[in-house]
Amino acid sequence: MTSLTPSQPNSPAFSWILKKSTGSEQSASTQGNATRNLKKKIEEAQLETGLLRSKLDELSGKPLTATRTRGIKIHTVSKGENLITIANRYYQNSSRWMEIYNANKSAIGSNPNLLRVGMQLELP
């Protein structure tokens, strides 16, 4: 079963939230603007949640670690991170950024400098 999240613009959940937040049915143009605004609010909330979790971990003394999925380490990109900082965090060697890039090239694309907040990267 596919879970529907409000961040999926074609999902019933997203449509319901959009309708509730605007109060009525709207023209395609107005709905498009409302959709963009709602997506931006959702992204900001997700970023804030991630930053709060990181701060809570930092204050509690909990070490920053990657999650493990089926034996594979996964790192979720936070604001301000790049492949060099991620390599330095996990390998204590910033020059190993290319290993992370090569393992995630299909997700990152041709420019290793364009990481998106929330992107999940496999750590080789």
N, C-alpha and C. Protein backbone atom coordinates (compact mmCIF):
# COMPACT_ATOMS: atom_id res chain seq x y z
N MET A 1 0.84 -1.18 0.00
CA MET A 1 0.00 0.00 0.00
C MET A 1 0.88 1.24 0.00
N THR A 2 0.58 2.19 -0.84
CA THR A 2 1.34 3.43 -0.92
C THR A 2 0.82 4.39 0.13
N SER A 3 1.73 4.97 0.92
CA SER A 3 1.28 5.95 1.88
C SER A 3 1.23 7.31 1.20
N LEU A 4 0.23 8.07 1.52
CA LEU A 4 0.07 9.39 0.93
C LEU A 4 0.52 10.42 1.94
N THR A 5 1.35 11.31 1.50
CA THR A 5 1.79 12.38 2.36
C THR A 5 1.38 13.70 1.75
N PRO A 6 1.21 14.74 2.57
CA PRO A 6 0.80 16.02 2.04
C PRO A 6 1.81 16.62 1.07
N SER A 7 3.05 16.14 1.06
CA SER A 7 4.04 16.71 0.16
C SER A 7 3.90 16.19 -1.27
N GLN A 8 2.98 15.25 -1.50
CA GLN A 8 2.74 14.75 -2.85
C GLN A 8 1.57 15.55 -3.43
N PRO A 9 1.85 16.49 -4.38
CA PRO A 9 0.83 17.41 -4.84
C PRO A 9 -0.40 16.78 -5.47
N ASN A 10 -0.32 15.56 -5.97
CA ASN A 10 -1.48 14.94 -6.59
C ASN A 10 -2.23 14.01 -5.65
N SER A 11 -1.82 13.98 -4.39
CA SER A 11 -2.45 13.06 -3.45
C SER A 11 -3.75 13.64 -2.92
N PRO A 12 -4.68 12.76 -2.54
CA PRO A 12 -5.92 13.23 -1.91
C PRO A 12 -5.64 14.03 -0.63
N ALA A 13 -4.62 13.61 0.13
CA ALA A 13 -4.30 14.33 1.37
C ALA A 13 -3.89 15.76 1.06
N PHE A 14 -3.08 15.95 0.04
CA PHE A 14 -2.63 17.29 -0.34
C PHE A 14 -3.82 18.14 -0.78
N SER A 15 -4.70 17.57 -1.60
CA SER A 15 -5.89 18.29 -2.08
C SER A 15 -6.79 18.69 -0.93
N TRP A 16 -6.97 17.77 0.03
CA TRP A 16 -7.81 18.06 1.18
C TRP A 16 -7.23 19.21 2.00
N ILE A 17 -5.90 19.16 2.27
CA ILE A 17 -5.25 20.22 3.04
C ILE A 17 -5.35 21.54 2.30
N LEU A 18 -5.15 21.52 0.99
CA LEU A 18 -5.24 22.74 0.19
C LEU A 18 -6.63 23.34 0.29
N LYS A 19 -7.65 22.51 0.16
CA LYS A 19 -9.03 22.99 0.22
C LYS A 19 -9.32 23.57 1.60
N LYS A 20 -8.88 22.87 2.66
CA LYS A 20 -9.12 23.34 4.02
C LYS A 20 -8.38 24.64 4.31
N SER A 21 -7.14 24.78 3.78
CA SER A 21 -6.34 25.97 4.07
C SER A 21 -6.84 27.19 3.30
N THR A 22 -7.49 26.99 2.16
CA THR A 22 -7.96 28.11 1.36
C THR A 22 -9.43 28.36 1.57
N GLY A 23 -10.17 27.38 2.06
CA GLY A 23 -11.57 27.56 2.37
C GLY A 23 -12.54 27.31 1.23
N SER A 24 -12.06 27.08 0.03
CA SER A 24 -13.00 26.87 -1.06
C SER A 24 -12.30 26.33 -2.29
N GLU A 25 -13.13 26.02 -3.29
CA GLU A 25 -12.60 25.64 -4.60
C GLU A 25 -12.07 26.92 -5.25
N GLN A 26 -11.02 26.79 -6.06
CA GLN A 26 -10.42 27.97 -6.67
C GLN A 26 -10.12 27.73 -8.13
N SER A 27 -9.83 28.84 -8.84
CA SER A 27 -9.42 28.71 -10.24
C SER A 27 -8.08 28.00 -10.30
N ALA A 28 -7.74 27.49 -11.48
CA ALA A 28 -6.48 26.75 -11.64
C ALA A 28 -5.29 27.63 -11.28
N SER A 29 -5.30 28.89 -11.67
CA SER A 29 -4.19 29.80 -11.38
C SER A 29 -4.05 30.06 -9.89
N THR A 30 -5.16 30.37 -9.25
CA THR A 30 -5.14 30.63 -7.82
C THR A 30 -4.77 29.37 -7.05
N GLN A 31 -5.31 28.24 -7.51
CA GLN A 31 -5.00 26.97 -6.85
C GLN A 31 -3.52 26.64 -7.02
N GLY A 32 -2.95 26.96 -8.19
CA GLY A 32 -1.52 26.72 -8.40
C GLY A 32 -0.67 27.53 -7.43
N ASN A 33 -1.04 28.80 -7.24
CA ASN A 33 -0.31 29.64 -6.28
C ASN A 33 -0.47 29.11 -4.86
N ALA A 34 -1.69 28.72 -4.51
CA ALA A 34 -1.94 28.18 -3.18
C ALA A 34 -1.17 26.88 -2.98
N THR A 35 -1.10 26.06 -4.02
CA THR A 35 -0.35 24.81 -3.95
C THR A 35 1.13 25.09 -3.70
N ARG A 36 1.70 26.03 -4.44
CA ARG A 36 3.11 26.37 -4.24
C ARG A 36 3.36 26.89 -2.83
N ASN A 37 2.45 27.74 -2.34
CA ASN A 37 2.61 28.27 -0.99
C ASN A 37 2.52 27.17 0.06
N LEU A 38 1.59 26.25 -0.12
CA LEU A 38 1.43 25.15 0.81
C LEU A 38 2.65 24.22 0.78
N LYS A 39 3.16 23.94 -0.42
CA LYS A 39 4.36 23.10 -0.53
C LYS A 39 5.53 23.76 0.18
N LYS A 40 5.64 25.09 0.03
CA LYS A 40 6.73 25.81 0.68
C LYS A 40 6.60 25.71 2.20
N LYS A 41 5.37 25.85 2.72
CA LYS A 41 5.15 25.73 4.16
C LYS A 41 5.51 24.33 4.66
N ILE A 42 5.15 23.32 3.88
CA ILE A 42 5.47 21.94 4.27
C ILE A 42 6.98 21.73 4.29
N GLU A 43 7.69 22.23 3.26
CA GLU A 43 9.15 22.10 3.20
C GLU A 43 9.79 22.82 4.38
N GLU A 44 9.30 24.01 4.71
CA GLU A 44 9.84 24.76 5.84
C GLU A 44 9.62 24.01 7.15
N ALA A 45 8.44 23.41 7.30
CA ALA A 45 8.15 22.64 8.51
C ALA A 45 9.05 21.41 8.60
N GLN A 46 9.28 20.74 7.46
CA GLN A 46 10.16 19.57 7.45
C GLN A 46 11.58 19.97 7.81
N LEU A 47 12.04 21.11 7.27
CA LEU A 47 13.38 21.60 7.58
C LEU A 47 13.48 21.94 9.06
N GLU A 48 12.48 22.65 9.57
CA GLU A 48 12.50 23.03 10.98
C GLU A 48 12.51 21.80 11.87
N THR A 49 11.74 20.78 11.52
CA THR A 49 11.71 19.54 12.29
C THR A 49 13.09 18.89 12.30
N GLY A 50 13.75 18.84 11.13
CA GLY A 50 15.09 18.26 11.05
C GLY A 50 16.10 19.04 11.88
N LEU A 51 16.02 20.38 11.82
CA LEU A 51 16.94 21.21 12.59
C LEU A 51 16.70 21.05 14.09
N LEU A 52 15.44 20.94 14.49
CA LEU A 52 15.13 20.74 15.90
C LEU A 52 15.63 19.39 16.39
N ARG A 53 15.48 18.36 15.56
CA ARG A 53 16.00 17.04 15.94
C ARG A 53 17.51 17.07 16.10
N SER A 54 18.19 17.75 15.16
CA SER A 54 19.65 17.85 15.24
C SER A 54 20.07 18.60 16.49
N LYS A 55 19.38 19.69 16.81
CA LYS A 55 19.71 20.47 18.00
C LYS A 55 19.46 19.66 19.27
N LEU A 56 18.35 18.92 19.29
CA LEU A 56 18.04 18.08 20.44
C LEU A 56 19.12 17.01 20.62
N ASP A 57 19.54 16.38 19.53
CA ASP A 57 20.61 15.38 19.60
C ASP A 57 21.89 16.01 20.12
N GLU A 58 22.19 17.21 19.63
CA GLU A 58 23.41 17.91 20.04
C GLU A 58 23.36 18.23 21.53
N LEU A 59 22.23 18.74 22.01
CA LEU A 59 22.10 19.11 23.42
C LEU A 59 22.10 17.90 24.34
N SER A 60 21.59 16.77 23.85
CA SER A 60 21.54 15.57 24.68
C SER A 60 22.87 14.82 24.68
N GLY A 61 23.81 15.26 23.84
CA GLY A 61 25.09 14.58 23.75
C GLY A 61 25.05 13.34 22.89
N LYS A 62 23.93 13.12 22.24
CA LYS A 62 23.77 11.95 21.37
C LYS A 62 24.62 12.15 20.12
N PRO A 63 25.48 11.22 19.78
CA PRO A 63 26.31 11.39 18.60
C PRO A 63 25.49 11.35 17.31
N LEU A 64 25.89 12.12 16.32
CA LEU A 64 25.22 12.10 15.03
C LEU A 64 25.60 10.82 14.31
N THR A 65 24.61 10.06 13.93
CA THR A 65 24.86 8.81 13.23
C THR A 65 23.90 8.68 12.07
N ALA A 66 24.25 7.86 11.14
CA ALA A 66 23.36 7.57 10.02
C ALA A 66 22.41 6.46 10.45
N THR A 67 21.25 6.42 9.83
CA THR A 67 20.34 5.31 10.08
C THR A 67 20.78 4.13 9.23
N ARG A 68 20.37 2.95 9.62
CA ARG A 68 20.70 1.76 8.83
C ARG A 68 19.43 1.17 8.27
N THR A 69 19.44 0.92 6.98
CA THR A 69 18.33 0.26 6.32
C THR A 69 18.89 -0.95 5.59
N ARG A 70 18.47 -2.13 6.02
CA ARG A 70 18.94 -3.38 5.42
C ARG A 70 20.46 -3.42 5.32
N GLY A 71 21.16 -3.01 6.37
CA GLY A 71 22.61 -3.06 6.39
C GLY A 71 23.31 -1.93 5.68
N ILE A 72 22.53 -1.01 5.09
CA ILE A 72 23.11 0.12 4.37
C ILE A 72 22.96 1.36 5.23
N LYS A 73 24.04 2.12 5.41
CA LYS A 73 23.95 3.37 6.15
C LYS A 73 23.31 4.42 5.25
N ILE A 74 22.35 5.15 5.82
CA ILE A 74 21.66 6.20 5.09
C ILE A 74 21.84 7.51 5.85
N HIS A 75 22.22 8.57 5.15
CA HIS A 75 22.33 9.90 5.75
C HIS A 75 21.28 10.81 5.11
N THR A 76 20.53 11.54 5.94
CA THR A 76 19.56 12.50 5.44
C THR A 76 20.20 13.88 5.46
N VAL A 77 20.24 14.52 4.30
CA VAL A 77 20.92 15.81 4.13
C VAL A 77 20.17 16.90 4.89
N SER A 78 20.91 17.69 5.65
CA SER A 78 20.38 18.84 6.38
C SER A 78 20.84 20.13 5.72
N LYS A 79 20.22 21.22 6.09
CA LYS A 79 20.56 22.52 5.54
C LYS A 79 22.04 22.83 5.78
N GLY A 80 22.71 23.30 4.74
CA GLY A 80 24.11 23.70 4.85
C GLY A 80 25.11 22.57 4.63
N GLU A 81 24.64 21.37 4.45
CA GLU A 81 25.57 20.25 4.25
C GLU A 81 25.95 20.10 2.78
N ASN A 82 27.13 19.55 2.57
CA ASN A 82 27.57 19.17 1.23
C ASN A 82 28.32 17.85 1.36
N LEU A 83 28.75 17.31 0.25
CA LEU A 83 29.40 15.99 0.28
C LEU A 83 30.69 16.00 1.09
N ILE A 84 31.39 17.12 1.08
CA ILE A 84 32.64 17.21 1.84
C ILE A 84 32.37 17.14 3.34
N THR A 85 31.36 17.89 3.81
CA THR A 85 31.06 17.86 5.25
C THR A 85 30.53 16.50 5.68
N ILE A 86 29.77 15.86 4.80
CA ILE A 86 29.24 14.53 5.12
C ILE A 86 30.38 13.51 5.19
N ALA A 87 31.29 13.56 4.22
CA ALA A 87 32.45 12.65 4.21
C ALA A 87 33.30 12.87 5.46
N ASN A 88 33.48 14.11 5.82
CA ASN A 88 34.28 14.42 7.01
C ASN A 88 33.60 13.90 8.28
N ARG A 89 32.27 13.98 8.34
CA ARG A 89 31.54 13.52 9.52
C ARG A 89 31.65 12.01 9.70
N TYR A 90 31.46 11.26 8.61
CA TYR A 90 31.40 9.81 8.73
C TYR A 90 32.75 9.12 8.55
N TYR A 91 33.63 9.72 7.77
CA TYR A 91 34.92 9.06 7.48
C TYR A 91 36.11 9.82 8.07
N GLN A 92 35.85 10.99 8.67
CA GLN A 92 36.92 11.84 9.18
C GLN A 92 37.95 12.14 8.09
N ASN A 93 37.45 12.20 6.85
CA ASN A 93 38.32 12.45 5.70
C ASN A 93 37.47 13.08 4.60
N SER A 94 37.56 14.40 4.48
CA SER A 94 36.71 15.11 3.53
C SER A 94 36.99 14.75 2.08
N SER A 95 38.19 14.22 1.80
CA SER A 95 38.52 13.88 0.41
C SER A 95 37.76 12.64 -0.07
N ARG A 96 37.02 11.97 0.81
CA ARG A 96 36.25 10.78 0.40
C ARG A 96 34.85 11.14 -0.10
N TRP A 97 34.60 12.43 -0.33
CA TRP A 97 33.29 12.86 -0.81
C TRP A 97 32.91 12.20 -2.13
N MET A 98 33.90 11.92 -2.97
CA MET A 98 33.63 11.33 -4.28
C MET A 98 33.03 9.93 -4.16
N GLU A 99 33.40 9.19 -3.11
CA GLU A 99 32.82 7.86 -2.88
C GLU A 99 31.31 7.98 -2.63
N ILE A 100 30.93 8.97 -1.84
CA ILE A 100 29.51 9.19 -1.55
C ILE A 100 28.79 9.61 -2.82
N TYR A 101 29.43 10.50 -3.58
CA TYR A 101 28.83 10.96 -4.84
C TYR A 101 28.62 9.80 -5.80
N ASN A 102 29.65 8.97 -5.99
CA ASN A 102 29.55 7.84 -6.92
C ASN A 102 28.46 6.85 -6.49
N ALA A 103 28.28 6.66 -5.20
CA ALA A 103 27.25 5.74 -4.71
C ALA A 103 25.84 6.31 -4.87
N ASN A 104 25.74 7.62 -5.05
CA ASN A 104 24.43 8.28 -5.10
C ASN A 104 24.24 9.13 -6.35
N LYS A 105 25.05 8.88 -7.37
CA LYS A 105 25.03 9.69 -8.58
C LYS A 105 23.64 9.78 -9.21
N SER A 106 22.90 8.69 -9.21
CA SER A 106 21.57 8.71 -9.83
C SER A 106 20.61 9.61 -9.08
N ALA A 107 20.77 9.73 -7.77
CA ALA A 107 19.89 10.60 -6.98
C ALA A 107 20.35 12.05 -7.01
N ILE A 108 21.66 12.26 -7.00
CA ILE A 108 22.22 13.62 -6.94
C ILE A 108 22.20 14.30 -8.30
N GLY A 109 22.52 13.54 -9.35
CA GLY A 109 22.59 14.13 -10.68
C GLY A 109 24.02 14.46 -11.05
N SER A 110 24.17 15.26 -12.10
CA SER A 110 25.51 15.53 -12.63
C SER A 110 26.30 16.55 -11.83
N ASN A 111 25.64 17.30 -10.96
CA ASN A 111 26.34 18.32 -10.17
C ASN A 111 26.38 17.91 -8.70
N PRO A 112 27.54 17.49 -8.20
CA PRO A 112 27.63 17.04 -6.81
C PRO A 112 27.42 18.14 -5.79
N ASN A 113 27.38 19.39 -6.23
CA ASN A 113 27.17 20.51 -5.30
C ASN A 113 25.70 20.80 -5.04
N LEU A 114 24.80 20.11 -5.74
CA LEU A 114 23.38 20.39 -5.61
C LEU A 114 22.65 19.33 -4.79
N LEU A 115 22.88 19.35 -3.49
CA LEU A 115 22.17 18.45 -2.59
C LEU A 115 20.91 19.16 -2.12
N ARG A 116 19.83 18.40 -1.98
CA ARG A 116 18.57 18.95 -1.49
C ARG A 116 18.38 18.54 -0.03
N VAL A 117 17.87 19.46 0.77
CA VAL A 117 17.56 19.15 2.17
C VAL A 117 16.54 18.02 2.19
N GLY A 118 16.81 17.01 3.00
CA GLY A 118 15.92 15.86 3.09
C GLY A 118 16.31 14.70 2.20
N MET A 119 17.23 14.94 1.26
CA MET A 119 17.70 13.88 0.36
C MET A 119 18.37 12.81 1.21
N GLN A 120 18.11 11.55 0.88
CA GLN A 120 18.73 10.45 1.61
C GLN A 120 19.84 9.86 0.76
N LEU A 121 21.04 9.81 1.34
CA LEU A 121 22.22 9.32 0.65
C LEU A 121 22.72 8.04 1.28
N GLU A 122 23.07 7.07 0.44
CA GLU A 122 23.70 5.85 0.93
C GLU A 122 25.17 6.15 1.20
N LEU A 123 25.65 5.64 2.30
CA LEU A 123 27.07 5.82 2.64
C LEU A 123 27.80 4.52 2.39
N PRO A 124 28.70 4.50 1.41
CA PRO A 124 29.41 3.26 1.07
C PRO A 124 30.36 2.83 2.19
